[in-house]
Amino acid sequence: MARILGEERHALAVQDPVSGSVITLYYRRPTSEERVAYQLSAYQIDGGERRFRLGETRLKFGREILLGFEPGDFLIREDGELVPLDPERHPDWQDQIIRYAPDLVSYLAQQVFEGLRVVGRGEAEWD
């Protein structure tokens, strides 16, 4: 499938290792400035020592580009019952995903900011 230039919202389907289901995360493309900031924030100089901060960087920037998800992809407990997490009813939806599914947000950032790969000669498709 071709990339549609100018699209505001993109989707990443992820095989969730916790639920075993496919979860679709919607995101916006990062700006050039965000791409540079992402790269620069992966390392921090602290007291003359270089500190690796890739985990924090992925979570921070993943949150910034995350726009939503498919209805029913996340469930929460309300009054003892499981109900779908809904951005319309739950304004803290991003906080809940960051708290309970940071692995998915980090993976989103990893794929969007670091995920480009080159197909070698003779390879018809991605690994």
N, C-alpha and C. Protein backbone atom coordinates (compact mmCIF):
# COMPACT_ATOMS: atom_id res chain seq x y z
N MET A 1 0.84 -1.17 0.00
CA MET A 1 0.00 0.00 0.00
C MET A 1 0.89 1.24 0.00
N ALA A 2 0.51 2.21 -0.73
CA ALA A 2 1.28 3.45 -0.84
C ALA A 2 1.03 4.35 0.37
N ARG A 3 2.01 5.19 0.67
CA ARG A 3 1.83 6.20 1.72
C ARG A 3 1.01 7.34 1.14
N ILE A 4 -0.01 7.74 1.88
CA ILE A 4 -0.84 8.87 1.46
C ILE A 4 -0.25 10.12 2.07
N LEU A 5 0.29 10.97 1.23
CA LEU A 5 0.93 12.19 1.72
C LEU A 5 -0.12 13.19 2.20
N GLY A 6 0.19 13.85 3.28
CA GLY A 6 -0.71 14.86 3.83
C GLY A 6 -1.74 14.33 4.81
N GLU A 7 -1.75 13.03 5.07
CA GLU A 7 -2.70 12.49 6.04
C GLU A 7 -2.36 13.01 7.44
N GLU A 8 -3.38 13.36 8.19
CA GLU A 8 -3.20 13.89 9.53
C GLU A 8 -3.09 12.79 10.58
N ARG A 9 -3.72 11.65 10.33
CA ARG A 9 -3.79 10.58 11.32
C ARG A 9 -3.33 9.27 10.69
N HIS A 10 -2.47 8.57 11.41
CA HIS A 10 -1.94 7.29 10.94
C HIS A 10 -2.26 6.22 11.97
N ALA A 11 -2.16 4.96 11.58
CA ALA A 11 -2.48 3.86 12.47
C ALA A 11 -1.33 2.87 12.54
N LEU A 12 -1.14 2.32 13.72
CA LEU A 12 -0.16 1.26 13.94
C LEU A 12 -0.88 0.13 14.65
N ALA A 13 -0.97 -1.03 14.01
CA ALA A 13 -1.58 -2.21 14.62
C ALA A 13 -0.48 -2.99 15.34
N VAL A 14 -0.72 -3.28 16.62
CA VAL A 14 0.28 -3.92 17.47
C VAL A 14 -0.30 -5.20 18.05
N GLN A 15 0.45 -6.28 17.99
CA GLN A 15 0.06 -7.52 18.67
C GLN A 15 0.41 -7.34 20.14
N ASP A 16 -0.60 -7.13 20.97
CA ASP A 16 -0.39 -6.88 22.39
C ASP A 16 0.02 -8.17 23.10
N PRO A 17 1.20 -8.18 23.72
CA PRO A 17 1.64 -9.41 24.39
C PRO A 17 0.86 -9.72 25.67
N VAL A 18 0.17 -8.75 26.24
CA VAL A 18 -0.58 -8.98 27.48
C VAL A 18 -1.94 -9.59 27.18
N SER A 19 -2.71 -8.99 26.28
CA SER A 19 -4.05 -9.48 25.99
C SER A 19 -4.07 -10.53 24.89
N GLY A 20 -3.02 -10.53 24.05
CA GLY A 20 -2.99 -11.44 22.91
C GLY A 20 -3.77 -10.94 21.72
N SER A 21 -4.35 -9.76 21.84
CA SER A 21 -5.16 -9.22 20.74
C SER A 21 -4.37 -8.16 19.98
N VAL A 22 -4.91 -7.77 18.84
CA VAL A 22 -4.31 -6.70 18.05
C VAL A 22 -4.95 -5.39 18.50
N ILE A 23 -4.10 -4.44 18.86
CA ILE A 23 -4.54 -3.13 19.30
C ILE A 23 -4.08 -2.12 18.26
N THR A 24 -4.98 -1.23 17.86
CA THR A 24 -4.65 -0.21 16.88
C THR A 24 -4.48 1.13 17.58
N LEU A 25 -3.30 1.71 17.43
CA LEU A 25 -3.00 3.03 17.99
C LEU A 25 -2.99 4.05 16.86
N TYR A 26 -3.67 5.16 17.06
CA TYR A 26 -3.67 6.23 16.09
C TYR A 26 -2.70 7.30 16.56
N TYR A 27 -1.95 7.85 15.61
CA TYR A 27 -0.94 8.83 15.95
C TYR A 27 -0.79 9.84 14.82
N ARG A 28 -0.15 10.94 15.16
CA ARG A 28 0.19 11.94 14.15
C ARG A 28 1.68 11.82 13.85
N ARG A 29 2.04 12.22 12.66
CA ARG A 29 3.47 12.21 12.31
C ARG A 29 4.18 13.29 13.10
N PRO A 30 5.34 12.97 13.65
CA PRO A 30 6.08 13.99 14.40
C PRO A 30 6.65 15.05 13.46
N THR A 31 6.82 16.24 14.00
CA THR A 31 7.45 17.32 13.23
C THR A 31 8.95 17.06 13.15
N SER A 32 9.61 17.78 12.28
CA SER A 32 11.07 17.68 12.18
C SER A 32 11.72 18.07 13.50
N GLU A 33 11.18 19.10 14.15
CA GLU A 33 11.72 19.55 15.43
C GLU A 33 11.59 18.45 16.49
N GLU A 34 10.46 17.75 16.49
CA GLU A 34 10.26 16.65 17.45
C GLU A 34 11.22 15.50 17.17
N ARG A 35 11.48 15.24 15.89
CA ARG A 35 12.43 14.17 15.57
C ARG A 35 13.83 14.49 16.10
N VAL A 36 14.24 15.74 15.95
CA VAL A 36 15.55 16.17 16.47
C VAL A 36 15.55 16.09 17.99
N ALA A 37 14.50 16.60 18.63
CA ALA A 37 14.40 16.59 20.09
C ALA A 37 14.42 15.16 20.62
N TYR A 38 13.78 14.25 19.91
CA TYR A 38 13.77 12.83 20.30
C TYR A 38 15.19 12.29 20.34
N GLN A 39 15.93 12.53 19.27
CA GLN A 39 17.31 12.04 19.20
C GLN A 39 18.18 12.66 20.29
N LEU A 40 18.02 13.96 20.52
CA LEU A 40 18.84 14.65 21.52
C LEU A 40 18.49 14.22 22.94
N SER A 41 17.25 13.85 23.19
CA SER A 41 16.86 13.52 24.55
C SER A 41 17.17 12.08 24.94
N ALA A 42 17.59 11.27 23.99
CA ALA A 42 17.92 9.87 24.31
C ALA A 42 19.14 9.77 25.22
N TYR A 43 20.01 10.78 25.20
CA TYR A 43 21.18 10.83 26.08
C TYR A 43 21.17 12.15 26.82
N GLN A 44 21.62 12.11 28.05
CA GLN A 44 21.70 13.33 28.84
C GLN A 44 23.07 13.35 29.53
N ILE A 45 23.70 14.51 29.53
CA ILE A 45 24.96 14.69 30.24
C ILE A 45 24.60 15.14 31.65
N ASP A 46 24.99 14.35 32.64
CA ASP A 46 24.66 14.65 34.03
C ASP A 46 25.93 14.54 34.86
N GLY A 47 26.46 15.70 35.27
CA GLY A 47 27.69 15.70 36.06
C GLY A 47 28.88 15.12 35.30
N GLY A 48 28.93 15.39 34.00
CA GLY A 48 30.02 14.88 33.18
C GLY A 48 29.82 13.45 32.71
N GLU A 49 28.78 12.80 33.18
CA GLU A 49 28.48 11.41 32.80
C GLU A 49 27.35 11.41 31.77
N ARG A 50 27.50 10.55 30.77
CA ARG A 50 26.41 10.37 29.80
C ARG A 50 25.40 9.38 30.38
N ARG A 51 24.14 9.78 30.37
CA ARG A 51 23.09 8.92 30.88
C ARG A 51 22.15 8.53 29.75
N PHE A 52 21.94 7.24 29.59
CA PHE A 52 21.06 6.72 28.55
C PHE A 52 19.62 6.88 29.02
N ARG A 53 18.79 7.59 28.25
CA ARG A 53 17.41 7.88 28.63
C ARG A 53 16.40 7.46 27.56
N LEU A 54 16.69 6.41 26.85
CA LEU A 54 15.83 6.03 25.73
C LEU A 54 14.42 5.64 26.20
N GLY A 55 14.32 4.96 27.33
CA GLY A 55 13.00 4.57 27.84
C GLY A 55 12.11 5.76 28.12
N GLU A 56 12.64 6.75 28.83
CA GLU A 56 11.87 7.95 29.14
C GLU A 56 11.54 8.73 27.87
N THR A 57 12.49 8.76 26.95
CA THR A 57 12.29 9.47 25.68
C THR A 57 11.16 8.83 24.89
N ARG A 58 11.16 7.52 24.78
CA ARG A 58 10.11 6.84 24.02
C ARG A 58 8.74 7.10 24.63
N LEU A 59 8.63 7.02 25.94
CA LEU A 59 7.35 7.23 26.59
C LEU A 59 6.86 8.67 26.42
N LYS A 60 7.75 9.63 26.60
CA LYS A 60 7.38 11.05 26.48
C LYS A 60 6.90 11.38 25.06
N PHE A 61 7.69 10.99 24.07
CA PHE A 61 7.34 11.35 22.70
C PHE A 61 6.21 10.48 22.15
N GLY A 62 6.10 9.25 22.61
CA GLY A 62 4.96 8.42 22.23
C GLY A 62 3.66 9.05 22.68
N ARG A 63 3.67 9.56 23.91
CA ARG A 63 2.48 10.24 24.43
C ARG A 63 2.14 11.47 23.59
N GLU A 64 3.15 12.21 23.18
CA GLU A 64 2.91 13.44 22.42
C GLU A 64 2.27 13.19 21.05
N ILE A 65 2.57 12.06 20.44
CA ILE A 65 2.02 11.79 19.11
C ILE A 65 0.77 10.91 19.14
N LEU A 66 0.47 10.28 20.29
CA LEU A 66 -0.68 9.39 20.40
C LEU A 66 -1.99 10.18 20.30
N LEU A 67 -2.83 9.80 19.36
CA LEU A 67 -4.11 10.49 19.15
C LEU A 67 -5.31 9.68 19.65
N GLY A 68 -5.18 8.36 19.68
CA GLY A 68 -6.32 7.55 20.10
C GLY A 68 -6.11 6.09 19.79
N PHE A 69 -7.20 5.36 19.77
CA PHE A 69 -7.17 3.91 19.60
C PHE A 69 -8.54 3.46 19.11
N GLU A 70 -8.62 2.22 18.71
CA GLU A 70 -9.90 1.66 18.25
C GLU A 70 -10.83 1.44 19.45
N PRO A 71 -12.12 1.70 19.27
CA PRO A 71 -13.07 1.44 20.36
C PRO A 71 -12.98 -0.03 20.80
N GLY A 72 -12.94 -0.23 22.10
CA GLY A 72 -12.90 -1.59 22.64
C GLY A 72 -11.51 -2.17 22.79
N ASP A 73 -10.47 -1.46 22.32
CA ASP A 73 -9.11 -1.99 22.45
C ASP A 73 -8.60 -1.97 23.89
N PHE A 74 -9.15 -1.08 24.72
CA PHE A 74 -8.77 -1.01 26.13
C PHE A 74 -10.04 -1.05 26.98
N LEU A 75 -10.00 -1.85 28.04
CA LEU A 75 -11.11 -1.93 28.98
C LEU A 75 -10.63 -1.46 30.35
N ILE A 76 -11.52 -0.82 31.10
CA ILE A 76 -11.22 -0.40 32.47
C ILE A 76 -12.35 -0.85 33.37
N ARG A 77 -12.08 -0.89 34.66
CA ARG A 77 -13.13 -1.23 35.63
C ARG A 77 -13.80 0.05 36.13
N GLU A 78 -15.12 0.05 36.03
CA GLU A 78 -15.94 1.13 36.58
C GLU A 78 -17.06 0.49 37.37
N ASP A 79 -17.14 0.81 38.63
CA ASP A 79 -18.17 0.25 39.51
C ASP A 79 -18.19 -1.27 39.44
N GLY A 80 -17.00 -1.87 39.39
CA GLY A 80 -16.88 -3.32 39.39
C GLY A 80 -17.13 -3.99 38.05
N GLU A 81 -17.43 -3.22 37.03
CA GLU A 81 -17.68 -3.80 35.70
C GLU A 81 -16.63 -3.35 34.71
N LEU A 82 -16.36 -4.20 33.72
CA LEU A 82 -15.43 -3.84 32.65
C LEU A 82 -16.19 -3.02 31.61
N VAL A 83 -15.64 -1.86 31.30
CA VAL A 83 -16.23 -1.00 30.27
C VAL A 83 -15.11 -0.53 29.34
N PRO A 84 -15.42 -0.25 28.08
CA PRO A 84 -14.39 0.24 27.16
C PRO A 84 -13.89 1.62 27.59
N LEU A 85 -12.58 1.80 27.53
CA LEU A 85 -11.99 3.12 27.73
C LEU A 85 -12.43 3.98 26.55
N ASP A 86 -13.01 5.14 26.84
CA ASP A 86 -13.59 5.98 25.80
C ASP A 86 -13.14 7.42 26.01
N PRO A 87 -12.40 8.00 25.06
CA PRO A 87 -11.95 9.38 25.21
C PRO A 87 -13.09 10.37 25.46
N GLU A 88 -14.29 10.08 24.97
CA GLU A 88 -15.44 10.96 25.19
C GLU A 88 -15.87 10.96 26.66
N ARG A 89 -15.80 9.79 27.29
CA ARG A 89 -16.24 9.65 28.68
C ARG A 89 -15.09 9.72 29.67
N HIS A 90 -13.88 9.49 29.20
CA HIS A 90 -12.71 9.43 30.09
C HIS A 90 -11.65 10.42 29.60
N PRO A 91 -11.72 11.66 30.05
CA PRO A 91 -10.76 12.66 29.58
C PRO A 91 -9.31 12.33 29.97
N ASP A 92 -9.14 11.43 30.94
CA ASP A 92 -7.80 11.02 31.35
C ASP A 92 -7.32 9.75 30.62
N TRP A 93 -7.89 9.49 29.45
CA TRP A 93 -7.58 8.25 28.72
C TRP A 93 -6.08 8.09 28.47
N GLN A 94 -5.40 9.18 28.13
CA GLN A 94 -3.95 9.08 27.88
C GLN A 94 -3.20 8.72 29.15
N ASP A 95 -3.57 9.32 30.26
CA ASP A 95 -2.92 8.98 31.54
C ASP A 95 -3.11 7.51 31.87
N GLN A 96 -4.30 6.99 31.61
CA GLN A 96 -4.55 5.58 31.90
C GLN A 96 -3.71 4.66 31.02
N ILE A 97 -3.60 5.00 29.75
CA ILE A 97 -2.78 4.17 28.86
C ILE A 97 -1.31 4.25 29.26
N ILE A 98 -0.83 5.44 29.59
CA ILE A 98 0.56 5.61 30.02
C ILE A 98 0.82 4.79 31.29
N ARG A 99 -0.14 4.81 32.21
CA ARG A 99 0.05 4.11 33.48
C ARG A 99 -0.01 2.59 33.33
N TYR A 100 -0.97 2.10 32.56
CA TYR A 100 -1.21 0.66 32.50
C TYR A 100 -0.68 -0.03 31.25
N ALA A 101 -0.34 0.74 30.21
CA ALA A 101 0.18 0.13 28.98
C ALA A 101 1.34 0.95 28.43
N PRO A 102 2.34 1.29 29.27
CA PRO A 102 3.45 2.10 28.77
C PRO A 102 4.25 1.39 27.69
N ASP A 103 4.22 0.06 27.71
CA ASP A 103 4.95 -0.70 26.69
C ASP A 103 4.42 -0.40 25.29
N LEU A 104 3.11 -0.23 25.16
CA LEU A 104 2.53 0.04 23.85
C LEU A 104 2.87 1.46 23.37
N VAL A 105 2.85 2.42 24.29
CA VAL A 105 3.19 3.80 23.94
C VAL A 105 4.66 3.90 23.56
N SER A 106 5.52 3.20 24.30
CA SER A 106 6.95 3.20 23.99
C SER A 106 7.21 2.54 22.64
N TYR A 107 6.49 1.45 22.36
CA TYR A 107 6.65 0.77 21.09
C TYR A 107 6.20 1.66 19.93
N LEU A 108 5.12 2.40 20.14
CA LEU A 108 4.67 3.35 19.12
C LEU A 108 5.78 4.34 18.79
N ALA A 109 6.38 4.94 19.81
CA ALA A 109 7.46 5.90 19.59
C ALA A 109 8.65 5.24 18.90
N GLN A 110 8.99 4.05 19.34
CA GLN A 110 10.12 3.35 18.72
C GLN A 110 9.88 3.15 17.23
N GLN A 111 8.70 2.71 16.87
CA GLN A 111 8.41 2.46 15.46
C GLN A 111 8.35 3.75 14.65
N VAL A 112 7.75 4.79 15.21
CA VAL A 112 7.58 6.03 14.46
C VAL A 112 8.90 6.80 14.35
N PHE A 113 9.65 6.88 15.45
CA PHE A 113 10.87 7.69 15.45
C PHE A 113 12.11 6.90 15.02
N GLU A 114 12.11 5.58 15.21
CA GLU A 114 13.32 4.79 14.93
C GLU A 114 13.09 3.67 13.92
N GLY A 115 11.86 3.45 13.50
CA GLY A 115 11.50 2.23 12.81
C GLY A 115 11.81 2.09 11.34
N LEU A 116 12.44 3.05 10.72
CA LEU A 116 12.72 2.90 9.30
C LEU A 116 13.78 1.83 9.08
N ARG A 117 13.54 0.98 8.09
CA ARG A 117 14.50 -0.06 7.74
C ARG A 117 14.72 -0.05 6.24
N VAL A 118 15.85 -0.51 5.84
CA VAL A 118 16.18 -0.59 4.43
C VAL A 118 16.03 -2.03 3.98
N VAL A 119 15.33 -2.22 2.87
CA VAL A 119 15.18 -3.55 2.30
C VAL A 119 16.41 -3.83 1.46
N GLY A 120 17.07 -4.95 1.72
CA GLY A 120 18.25 -5.31 0.97
C GLY A 120 17.92 -5.83 -0.41
N ARG A 121 18.94 -5.99 -1.21
CA ARG A 121 18.74 -6.52 -2.57
C ARG A 121 18.16 -7.91 -2.52
N GLY A 122 17.18 -8.13 -3.34
CA GLY A 122 16.58 -9.45 -3.42
C GLY A 122 15.50 -9.70 -2.39
N GLU A 123 15.29 -8.78 -1.46
CA GLU A 123 14.25 -8.95 -0.46
C GLU A 123 12.97 -8.33 -0.99
N ALA A 124 11.94 -9.13 -1.08
CA ALA A 124 10.68 -8.64 -1.62
C ALA A 124 9.83 -7.93 -0.60
N GLU A 125 10.01 -8.24 0.68
CA GLU A 125 9.20 -7.61 1.71
C GLU A 125 10.00 -7.49 3.00
N TRP A 126 9.38 -6.85 3.99
CA TRP A 126 10.01 -6.64 5.30
C TRP A 126 10.10 -7.95 6.07
N ASP A 127 10.97 -7.97 7.05
CA ASP A 127 11.06 -9.14 7.95
C ASP A 127 9.82 -9.24 8.78
